[in-house]
Amino acid sequence: MHGPAAKLGKDNAASKKTRLGVILFLFYTLVYGGFVLIGLVNPELMGLHVIGAQNLAIVYGFGLIVLAIIMGFIYNAVCTRMENRLNK
């Protein structure tokens, strides 16, 4: 058996990382809520061609996926900076 790969200690940045995570989650929830709202209130709008032959549903859906990936990179970069600054 072996122990953890890294020594774990107190994370002084934990509360700031949690706050950032909640803010990003709420932002994504609002953007996703817009997608759902369009689908509920005006589903015909989802069929509107916005980029070439792609309709709003496809573009918005892929946009949500790309946004989640970008937000993940942002979260990682900001949290790494906070950890390096606060856990010296």
PDB file of N, CA and C in Angstrom:
ATOM      1  N   MET A   1       0.833  -1.184   0.000  1.00  0.00           N
ATOM      2  CA  MET A   1       0.000   0.000   0.000  1.00  0.00           C
ATOM      3  C   MET A   1       0.880   1.250   0.000  1.00  0.00           C
ATOM      4  N   HIS A   2       0.340   2.303  -0.506  1.00  0.00           N
ATOM      5  CA  HIS A   2       1.085   3.556  -0.519  1.00  0.00           C
ATOM      6  C   HIS A   2       0.180   4.684  -0.039  1.00  0.00           C
ATOM      7  N   GLY A   3       0.805   5.757   0.357  1.00  0.00           N
ATOM      8  CA  GLY A   3       0.063   6.912   0.864  1.00  0.00           C
ATOM      9  C   GLY A   3      -0.329   7.852  -0.266  1.00  0.00           C
ATOM     10  N   PRO A   4      -0.871   8.993   0.102  1.00  0.00           N
ATOM     11  CA  PRO A   4      -1.256   9.966  -0.922  1.00  0.00           C
ATOM     12  C   PRO A   4      -0.050  10.470  -1.700  1.00  0.00           C
ATOM     13  N   ALA A   5      -0.287  10.879  -2.945  1.00  0.00           N
ATOM     14  CA  ALA A   5       0.794  11.362  -3.799  1.00  0.00           C
ATOM     15  C   ALA A   5       1.350  12.684  -3.296  1.00  0.00           C
ATOM     16  N   ALA A   6       0.516  13.470  -2.645  1.00  0.00           N
ATOM     17  CA  ALA A   6       0.956  14.770  -2.135  1.00  0.00           C
ATOM     18  C   ALA A   6       0.523  14.897  -0.684  1.00  0.00           C
ATOM     19  N   LYS A   7       1.321  15.607   0.082  1.00  0.00           N
ATOM     20  CA  LYS A   7       0.969  15.839   1.475  1.00  0.00           C
ATOM     21  C   LYS A   7      -0.197  16.831   1.515  1.00  0.00           C
ATOM     22  N   LEU A   8      -1.251  16.428   2.181  1.00  0.00           N
ATOM     23  CA  LEU A   8      -2.424  17.282   2.279  1.00  0.00           C
ATOM     24  C   LEU A   8      -2.393  18.058   3.581  1.00  0.00           C
ATOM     25  N   GLY A   9      -2.703  19.314   3.493  1.00  0.00           N
ATOM     26  CA  GLY A   9      -2.742  20.171   4.671  1.00  0.00           C
ATOM     27  C   GLY A   9      -3.921  21.114   4.564  1.00  0.00           C
ATOM     28  N   LYS A  10      -3.893  22.144   5.385  1.00  0.00           N
ATOM     29  CA  LYS A  10      -4.964  23.129   5.358  1.00  0.00           C
ATOM     30  C   LYS A  10      -4.885  23.941   4.064  1.00  0.00           C
ATOM     31  N   ASP A  11      -6.018  24.117   3.428  1.00  0.00           N
ATOM     32  CA  ASP A  11      -6.086  24.906   2.200  1.00  0.00           C
ATOM     33  C   ASP A  11      -6.627  26.281   2.546  1.00  0.00           C
ATOM     34  N   ASN A  12      -5.756  27.268   2.608  1.00  0.00           N
ATOM     35  CA  ASN A  12      -6.158  28.623   2.960  1.00  0.00           C
ATOM     36  C   ASN A  12      -6.996  29.292   1.883  1.00  0.00           C
ATOM     37  N   ALA A  13      -7.003  28.725   0.684  1.00  0.00           N
ATOM     38  CA  ALA A  13      -7.765  29.297  -0.423  1.00  0.00           C
ATOM     39  C   ALA A  13      -9.131  28.636  -0.594  1.00  0.00           C
ATOM     40  N   ALA A  14      -9.475  27.692   0.255  1.00  0.00           N
ATOM     41  CA  ALA A  14     -10.699  26.905   0.078  1.00  0.00           C
ATOM     42  C   ALA A  14     -11.957  27.768   0.005  1.00  0.00           C
ATOM     43  N   SER A  15     -12.074  28.750   0.882  1.00  0.00           N
ATOM     44  CA  SER A  15     -13.302  29.554   0.882  1.00  0.00           C
ATOM     45  C   SER A  15     -13.409  30.405  -0.379  1.00  0.00           C
ATOM     46  N   LYS A  16     -12.286  30.927  -0.859  1.00  0.00           N
ATOM     47  CA  LYS A  16     -12.293  31.727  -2.087  1.00  0.00           C
ATOM     48  C   LYS A  16     -12.580  30.849  -3.300  1.00  0.00           C
ATOM     49  N   LYS A  17     -12.034  29.643  -3.312  1.00  0.00           N
ATOM     50  CA  LYS A  17     -12.292  28.723  -4.418  1.00  0.00           C
ATOM     51  C   LYS A  17     -13.758  28.306  -4.428  1.00  0.00           C
ATOM     52  N   THR A  18     -14.328  28.094  -3.258  1.00  0.00           N
ATOM     53  CA  THR A  18     -15.739  27.743  -3.168  1.00  0.00           C
ATOM     54  C   THR A  18     -16.606  28.869  -3.697  1.00  0.00           C
ATOM     55  N   ARG A  19     -16.293  30.093  -3.293  1.00  0.00           N
ATOM     56  CA  ARG A  19     -17.049  31.257  -3.755  1.00  0.00           C
ATOM     57  C   ARG A  19     -16.978  31.381  -5.279  1.00  0.00           C
ATOM     58  N   LEU A  20     -15.790  31.231  -5.835  1.00  0.00           N
ATOM     59  CA  LEU A  20     -15.626  31.301  -7.281  1.00  0.00           C
ATOM     60  C   LEU A  20     -16.438  30.202  -7.968  1.00  0.00           C
ATOM     61  N   GLY A  21     -16.387  28.997  -7.432  1.00  0.00           N
ATOM     62  CA  GLY A  21     -17.142  27.887  -7.999  1.00  0.00           C
ATOM     63  C   GLY A  21     -18.631  28.149  -8.002  1.00  0.00           C
ATOM     64  N   VAL A  22     -19.142  28.714  -6.927  1.00  0.00           N
ATOM     65  CA  VAL A  22     -20.575  29.027  -6.844  1.00  0.00           C
ATOM     66  C   VAL A  22     -20.944  30.118  -7.847  1.00  0.00           C
ATOM     67  N   ILE A  23     -20.101  31.141  -7.966  1.00  0.00           N
ATOM     68  CA  ILE A  23     -20.364  32.221  -8.922  1.00  0.00           C
ATOM     69  C   ILE A  23     -20.392  31.678 -10.344  1.00  0.00           C
ATOM     70  N   LEU A  24     -19.417  30.855 -10.706  1.00  0.00           N
ATOM     71  CA  LEU A  24     -19.386  30.271 -12.048  1.00  0.00           C
ATOM     72  C   LEU A  24     -20.583  29.358 -12.279  1.00  0.00           C
ATOM     73  N   PHE A  25     -20.961  28.601 -11.269  1.00  0.00           N
ATOM     74  CA  PHE A  25     -22.122  27.722 -11.376  1.00  0.00           C
ATOM     75  C   PHE A  25     -23.388  28.529 -11.612  1.00  0.00           C
ATOM     76  N   LEU A  26     -23.573  29.606 -10.861  1.00  0.00           N
ATOM     77  CA  LEU A  26     -24.770  30.432 -11.036  1.00  0.00           C
ATOM     78  C   LEU A  26     -24.798  31.085 -12.413  1.00  0.00           C
ATOM     79  N   PHE A  27     -23.645  31.553 -12.881  1.00  0.00           N
ATOM     80  CA  PHE A  27     -23.572  32.138 -14.217  1.00  0.00           C
ATOM     81  C   PHE A  27     -23.968  31.110 -15.276  1.00  0.00           C
ATOM     82  N   TYR A  28     -23.399  29.911 -15.186  1.00  0.00           N
ATOM     83  CA  TYR A  28     -23.715  28.865 -16.162  1.00  0.00           C
ATOM     84  C   TYR A  28     -25.192  28.485 -16.082  1.00  0.00           C
ATOM     85  N   THR A  29     -25.721  28.447 -14.872  1.00  0.00           N
ATOM     86  CA  THR A  29     -27.136  28.118 -14.694  1.00  0.00           C
ATOM     87  C   THR A  29     -28.019  29.150 -15.384  1.00  0.00           C
ATOM     88  N   LEU A  30     -27.660  30.422 -15.300  1.00  0.00           N
ATOM     89  CA  LEU A  30     -28.430  31.466 -15.986  1.00  0.00           C
ATOM     90  C   LEU A  30     -28.369  31.293 -17.502  1.00  0.00           C
ATOM     91  N   VAL A  31     -27.183  31.027 -18.029  1.00  0.00           N
ATOM     92  CA  VAL A  31     -27.034  30.839 -19.473  1.00  0.00           C
ATOM     93  C   VAL A  31     -27.813  29.603 -19.926  1.00  0.00           C
ATOM     94  N   TYR A  32     -27.710  28.511 -19.181  1.00  0.00           N
ATOM     95  CA  TYR A  32     -28.442  27.293 -19.510  1.00  0.00           C
ATOM     96  C   TYR A  32     -29.946  27.517 -19.361  1.00  0.00           C
ATOM     97  N   GLY A  33     -30.319  28.272 -18.333  1.00  0.00           N
ATOM     98  CA  GLY A  33     -31.738  28.598 -18.136  1.00  0.00           C
ATOM     99  C   GLY A  33     -32.308  29.336 -19.337  1.00  0.00           C
ATOM    100  N   GLY A  34     -31.497  30.198 -19.969  1.00  0.00           N
ATOM    101  CA  GLY A  34     -31.934  30.881 -21.180  1.00  0.00           C
ATOM    102  C   GLY A  34     -32.237  29.892 -22.291  1.00  0.00           C
ATOM    103  N   PHE A  35     -31.405  28.880 -22.418  1.00  0.00           N
ATOM    104  CA  PHE A  35     -31.618  27.824 -23.415  1.00  0.00           C
ATOM    105  C   PHE A  35     -32.939  27.105 -23.161  1.00  0.00           C
ATOM    106  N   VAL A  36     -33.169  26.727 -21.920  1.00  0.00           N
ATOM    107  CA  VAL A  36     -34.399  26.023 -21.553  1.00  0.00           C
ATOM    108  C   VAL A  36     -35.611  26.934 -21.743  1.00  0.00           C
ATOM    109  N   LEU A  37     -35.485  28.187 -21.350  1.00  0.00           N
ATOM    110  CA  LEU A  37     -36.587  29.140 -21.474  1.00  0.00           C
ATOM    111  C   LEU A  37     -36.995  29.333 -22.934  1.00  0.00           C
ATOM    112  N   ILE A  38     -36.015  29.456 -23.817  1.00  0.00           N
ATOM    113  CA  ILE A  38     -36.347  29.579 -25.242  1.00  0.00           C
ATOM    114  C   ILE A  38     -37.093  28.338 -25.712  1.00  0.00           C
ATOM    115  N   GLY A  39     -36.631  27.172 -25.294  1.00  0.00           N
ATOM    116  CA  GLY A  39     -37.289  25.919 -25.675  1.00  0.00           C
ATOM    117  C   GLY A  39     -38.709  25.813 -25.151  1.00  0.00           C
ATOM    118  N   LEU A  40     -38.971  26.391 -23.994  1.00  0.00           N
ATOM    119  CA  LEU A  40     -40.316  26.328 -23.411  1.00  0.00           C
ATOM    120  C   LEU A  40     -41.244  27.398 -23.966  1.00  0.00           C
ATOM    121  N   VAL A  41     -40.746  28.614 -24.069  1.00  0.00           N
ATOM    122  CA  VAL A  41     -41.587  29.745 -24.434  1.00  0.00           C
ATOM    123  C   VAL A  41     -41.758  29.869 -25.947  1.00  0.00           C
ATOM    124  N   ASN A  42     -40.682  29.681 -26.695  1.00  0.00           N
ATOM    125  CA  ASN A  42     -40.723  29.882 -28.137  1.00  0.00           C
ATOM    126  C   ASN A  42     -39.888  28.820 -28.855  1.00  0.00           C
ATOM    127  N   PRO A  43     -40.358  27.574 -28.876  1.00  0.00           N
ATOM    128  CA  PRO A  43     -39.562  26.499 -29.467  1.00  0.00           C
ATOM    129  C   PRO A  43     -39.279  26.700 -30.959  1.00  0.00           C
ATOM    130  N   GLU A  44     -40.124  27.435 -31.652  1.00  0.00           N
ATOM    131  CA  GLU A  44     -39.881  27.687 -33.072  1.00  0.00           C
ATOM    132  C   GLU A  44     -38.578  28.466 -33.276  1.00  0.00           C
ATOM    133  N   LEU A  45     -38.240  29.288 -32.298  1.00  0.00           N
ATOM    134  CA  LEU A  45     -37.017  30.080 -32.373  1.00  0.00           C
ATOM    135  C   LEU A  45     -35.777  29.182 -32.430  1.00  0.00           C
ATOM    136  N   MET A  46     -35.862  28.018 -31.806  1.00  0.00           N
ATOM    137  CA  MET A  46     -34.719  27.087 -31.820  1.00  0.00           C
ATOM    138  C   MET A  46     -34.414  26.589 -33.224  1.00  0.00           C
ATOM    139  N   GLY A  47     -35.391  26.643 -34.118  1.00  0.00           N
ATOM    140  CA  GLY A  47     -35.187  26.194 -35.493  1.00  0.00           C
ATOM    141  C   GLY A  47     -34.631  27.270 -36.408  1.00  0.00           C
ATOM    142  N   LEU A  48     -34.488  28.482 -35.900  1.00  0.00           N
ATOM    143  CA  LEU A  48     -33.980  29.600 -36.689  1.00  0.00           C
ATOM    144  C   LEU A  48     -32.518  29.364 -37.072  1.00  0.00           C
ATOM    145  N   HIS A  49     -32.215  29.489 -38.359  1.00  0.00           N
ATOM    146  CA  HIS A  49     -30.840  29.313 -38.830  1.00  0.00           C
ATOM    147  C   HIS A  49     -30.035  30.550 -38.459  1.00  0.00           C
ATOM    148  N   VAL A  50     -28.967  30.352 -37.681  1.00  0.00           N
ATOM    149  CA  VAL A  50     -28.170  31.484 -37.203  1.00  0.00           C
ATOM    150  C   VAL A  50     -26.759  31.501 -37.788  1.00  0.00           C
ATOM    151  N   ILE A  51     -26.162  30.347 -38.009  1.00  0.00           N
ATOM    152  CA  ILE A  51     -24.820  30.270 -38.593  1.00  0.00           C
ATOM    153  C   ILE A  51     -24.871  29.238 -39.714  1.00  0.00           C
ATOM    154  N   GLY A  52     -24.840  29.713 -40.933  1.00  0.00           N
ATOM    155  CA  GLY A  52     -24.918  28.799 -42.071  1.00  0.00           C
ATOM    156  C   GLY A  52     -26.209  28.013 -42.022  1.00  0.00           C
ATOM    157  N   ALA A  53     -26.084  26.702 -42.072  1.00  0.00           N
ATOM    158  CA  ALA A  53     -27.259  25.835 -42.032  1.00  0.00           C
ATOM    159  C   ALA A  53     -27.564  25.344 -40.622  1.00  0.00           C
ATOM    160  N   GLN A  54     -26.846  25.859 -39.630  1.00  0.00           N
ATOM    161  CA  GLN A  54     -27.041  25.411 -38.242  1.00  0.00           C
ATOM    162  C   GLN A  54     -28.095  26.267 -37.551  1.00  0.00           C
ATOM    163  N   ASN A  55     -28.988  25.595 -36.860  1.00  0.00           N
ATOM    164  CA  ASN A  55     -30.041  26.336 -36.169  1.00  0.00           C
ATOM    165  C   ASN A  55     -29.602  26.754 -34.769  1.00  0.00           C
ATOM    166  N   LEU A  56     -30.419  27.572 -34.151  1.00  0.00           N
ATOM    167  CA  LEU A  56     -30.099  28.119 -32.832  1.00  0.00           C
ATOM    168  C   LEU A  56     -29.892  27.027 -31.794  1.00  0.00           C
ATOM    169  N   ALA A  57     -30.683  25.970 -31.856  1.00  0.00           N
ATOM    170  CA  ALA A  57     -30.560  24.884 -30.873  1.00  0.00           C
ATOM    171  C   ALA A  57     -29.165  24.262 -30.920  1.00  0.00           C
ATOM    172  N   ILE A  58     -28.657  24.005 -32.112  1.00  0.00           N
ATOM    173  CA  ILE A  58     -27.334  23.395 -32.262  1.00  0.00           C
ATOM    174  C   ILE A  58     -26.247  24.364 -31.808  1.00  0.00           C
ATOM    175  N   VAL A  59     -26.325  25.605 -32.273  1.00  0.00           N
ATOM    176  CA  VAL A  59     -25.302  26.596 -31.937  1.00  0.00           C
ATOM    177  C   VAL A  59     -25.294  26.875 -30.443  1.00  0.00           C
ATOM    178  N   TYR A  60     -26.475  27.066 -29.850  1.00  0.00           N
ATOM    179  CA  TYR A  60     -26.584  27.340 -28.411  1.00  0.00           C
ATOM    180  C   TYR A  60     -26.090  26.137 -27.616  1.00  0.00           C
ATOM    181  N   GLY A  61     -26.482  24.932 -28.036  1.00  0.00           N
ATOM    182  CA  GLY A  61     -26.062  23.716 -27.336  1.00  0.00           C
ATOM    183  C   GLY A  61     -24.558  23.535 -27.342  1.00  0.00           C
ATOM    184  N   PHE A  62     -23.950  23.695 -28.522  1.00  0.00           N
ATOM    185  CA  PHE A  62     -22.488  23.589 -28.590  1.00  0.00           C
ATOM    186  C   PHE A  62     -21.831  24.736 -27.831  1.00  0.00           C
ATOM    187  N   GLY A  63     -22.465  25.906 -27.861  1.00  0.00           N
ATOM    188  CA  GLY A  63     -21.953  27.048 -27.098  1.00  0.00           C
ATOM    189  C   GLY A  63     -21.916  26.737 -25.610  1.00  0.00           C
ATOM    190  N   LEU A  64     -22.948  26.046 -25.123  1.00  0.00           N
ATOM    191  CA  LEU A  64     -22.977  25.666 -23.710  1.00  0.00           C
ATOM    192  C   LEU A  64     -21.821  24.726 -23.376  1.00  0.00           C
ATOM    193  N   ILE A  65     -21.549  23.796 -24.269  1.00  0.00           N
ATOM    194  CA  ILE A  65     -20.452  22.860 -24.038  1.00  0.00           C
ATOM    195  C   ILE A  65     -19.118  23.602 -24.016  1.00  0.00           C
ATOM    196  N   VAL A  66     -18.909  24.463 -24.997  1.00  0.00           N
ATOM    197  CA  VAL A  66     -17.659  25.231 -25.072  1.00  0.00           C
ATOM    198  C   VAL A  66     -17.533  26.148 -23.852  1.00  0.00           C
ATOM    199  N   LEU A  67     -18.637  26.785 -23.455  1.00  0.00           N
ATOM    200  CA  LEU A  67     -18.612  27.648 -22.275  1.00  0.00           C
ATOM    201  C   LEU A  67     -18.200  26.872 -21.026  1.00  0.00           C
ATOM    202  N   ALA A  68     -18.734  25.672 -20.863  1.00  0.00           N
ATOM    203  CA  ALA A  68     -18.374  24.854 -19.694  1.00  0.00           C
ATOM    204  C   ALA A  68     -16.886  24.531 -19.688  1.00  0.00           C
ATOM    205  N   ILE A  69     -16.329  24.215 -20.851  1.00  0.00           N
ATOM    206  CA  ILE A  69     -14.903  23.905 -20.938  1.00  0.00           C
ATOM    207  C   ILE A  69     -14.068  25.139 -20.610  1.00  0.00           C
ATOM    208  N   ILE A  70     -14.433  26.279 -21.193  1.00  0.00           N
ATOM    209  CA  ILE A  70     -13.703  27.520 -20.929  1.00  0.00           C
ATOM    210  C   ILE A  70     -13.781  27.888 -19.453  1.00  0.00           C
ATOM    211  N   MET A  71     -14.964  27.750 -18.864  1.00  0.00           N
ATOM    212  CA  MET A  71     -15.119  28.069 -17.444  1.00  0.00           C
ATOM    213  C   MET A  71     -14.287  27.131 -16.576  1.00  0.00           C
ATOM    214  N   GLY A  72     -14.137  25.879 -16.993  1.00  0.00           N
ATOM    215  CA  GLY A  72     -13.291  24.937 -16.265  1.00  0.00           C
ATOM    216  C   GLY A  72     -11.837  25.377 -16.272  1.00  0.00           C
ATOM    217  N   PHE A  73     -11.360  25.832 -17.436  1.00  0.00           N
ATOM    218  CA  PHE A  73      -9.986  26.330 -17.531  1.00  0.00           C
ATOM    219  C   PHE A  73      -9.802  27.587 -16.686  1.00  0.00           C
ATOM    220  N   ILE A  74     -10.791  28.474 -16.725  1.00  0.00           N
ATOM    221  CA  ILE A  74     -10.722  29.701 -15.917  1.00  0.00           C
ATOM    222  C   ILE A  74     -10.679  29.345 -14.436  1.00  0.00           C
ATOM    223  N   TYR A  75     -11.567  28.446 -14.015  1.00  0.00           N
ATOM    224  CA  TYR A  75     -11.605  28.040 -12.610  1.00  0.00           C
ATOM    225  C   TYR A  75     -10.261  27.459 -12.185  1.00  0.00           C
ATOM    226  N   ASN A  76      -9.701  26.585 -13.012  1.00  0.00           N
ATOM    227  CA  ASN A  76      -8.417  25.967 -12.679  1.00  0.00           C
ATOM    228  C   ASN A  76      -7.309  27.011 -12.565  1.00  0.00           C
ATOM    229  N   ALA A  77      -7.245  27.927 -13.518  1.00  0.00           N
ATOM    230  CA  ALA A  77      -6.182  28.935 -13.506  1.00  0.00           C
ATOM    231  C   ALA A  77      -6.300  29.859 -12.299  1.00  0.00           C
ATOM    232  N   VAL A  78      -7.512  30.326 -12.018  1.00  0.00           N
ATOM    233  CA  VAL A  78      -7.701  31.247 -10.895  1.00  0.00           C
ATOM    234  C   VAL A  78      -7.442  30.534  -9.570  1.00  0.00           C
ATOM    235  N   CYS A  79      -7.921  29.304  -9.443  1.00  0.00           N
ATOM    236  CA  CYS A  79      -7.710  28.561  -8.197  1.00  0.00           C
ATOM    237  C   CYS A  79      -6.232  28.252  -7.971  1.00  0.00           C
ATOM    238  N   THR A  80      -5.523  27.926  -9.031  1.00  0.00           N
ATOM    239  CA  THR A  80      -4.092  27.655  -8.897  1.00  0.00           C
ATOM    240  C   THR A  80      -3.364  28.892  -8.402  1.00  0.00           C
ATOM    241  N   ARG A  81      -3.706  30.059  -8.970  1.00  0.00           N
ATOM    242  CA  ARG A  81      -3.085  31.311  -8.505  1.00  0.00           C
ATOM    243  C   ARG A  81      -3.411  31.580  -7.047  1.00  0.00           C
ATOM    244  N   MET A  82      -4.681  31.366  -6.649  1.00  0.00           N
ATOM    245  CA  MET A  82      -5.067  31.593  -5.252  1.00  0.00           C
ATOM    246  C   MET A  82      -4.321  30.645  -4.335  1.00  0.00           C
ATOM    247  N   GLU A  83      -4.219  29.375  -4.712  1.00  0.00           N
ATOM    248  CA  GLU A  83      -3.510  28.402  -3.881  1.00  0.00           C
ATOM    249  C   GLU A  83      -2.040  28.782  -3.723  1.00  0.00           C
ATOM    250  N   ASN A  84      -1.418  29.172  -4.826  1.00  0.00           N
ATOM    251  CA  ASN A  84       0.000  29.552  -4.762  1.00  0.00           C
ATOM    252  C   ASN A  84       0.219  30.784  -3.886  1.00  0.00           C
ATOM    253  N   ARG A  85      -0.725  31.719  -3.937  1.00  0.00           N
ATOM    254  CA  ARG A  85      -0.585  32.960  -3.159  1.00  0.00           C
ATOM    255  C   ARG A  85      -0.925  32.738  -1.691  1.00  0.00           C
ATOM    256  N   LEU A  86      -1.952  31.967  -1.388  1.00  0.00           N
ATOM    257  CA  LEU A  86      -2.438  31.858  -0.009  1.00  0.00           C
ATOM    258  C   LEU A  86      -1.895  30.665   0.777  1.00  0.00           C
ATOM    259  N   ASN A  87      -1.313  29.705   0.085  1.00  0.00           N
ATOM    260  CA  ASN A  87      -0.831  28.503   0.777  1.00  0.00           C
ATOM    261  C   ASN A  87       0.706  28.447   0.837  1.00  0.00           C
ATOM    262  N   LYS A  88       1.336  29.599   0.965  1.00  0.00           N
ATOM    263  CA  LYS A  88       2.802  29.630   1.057  1.00  0.00           C
ATOM    264  C   LYS A  88       3.280  29.121   2.391  1.00  0.00           C
TER     265      LYS A  88
END
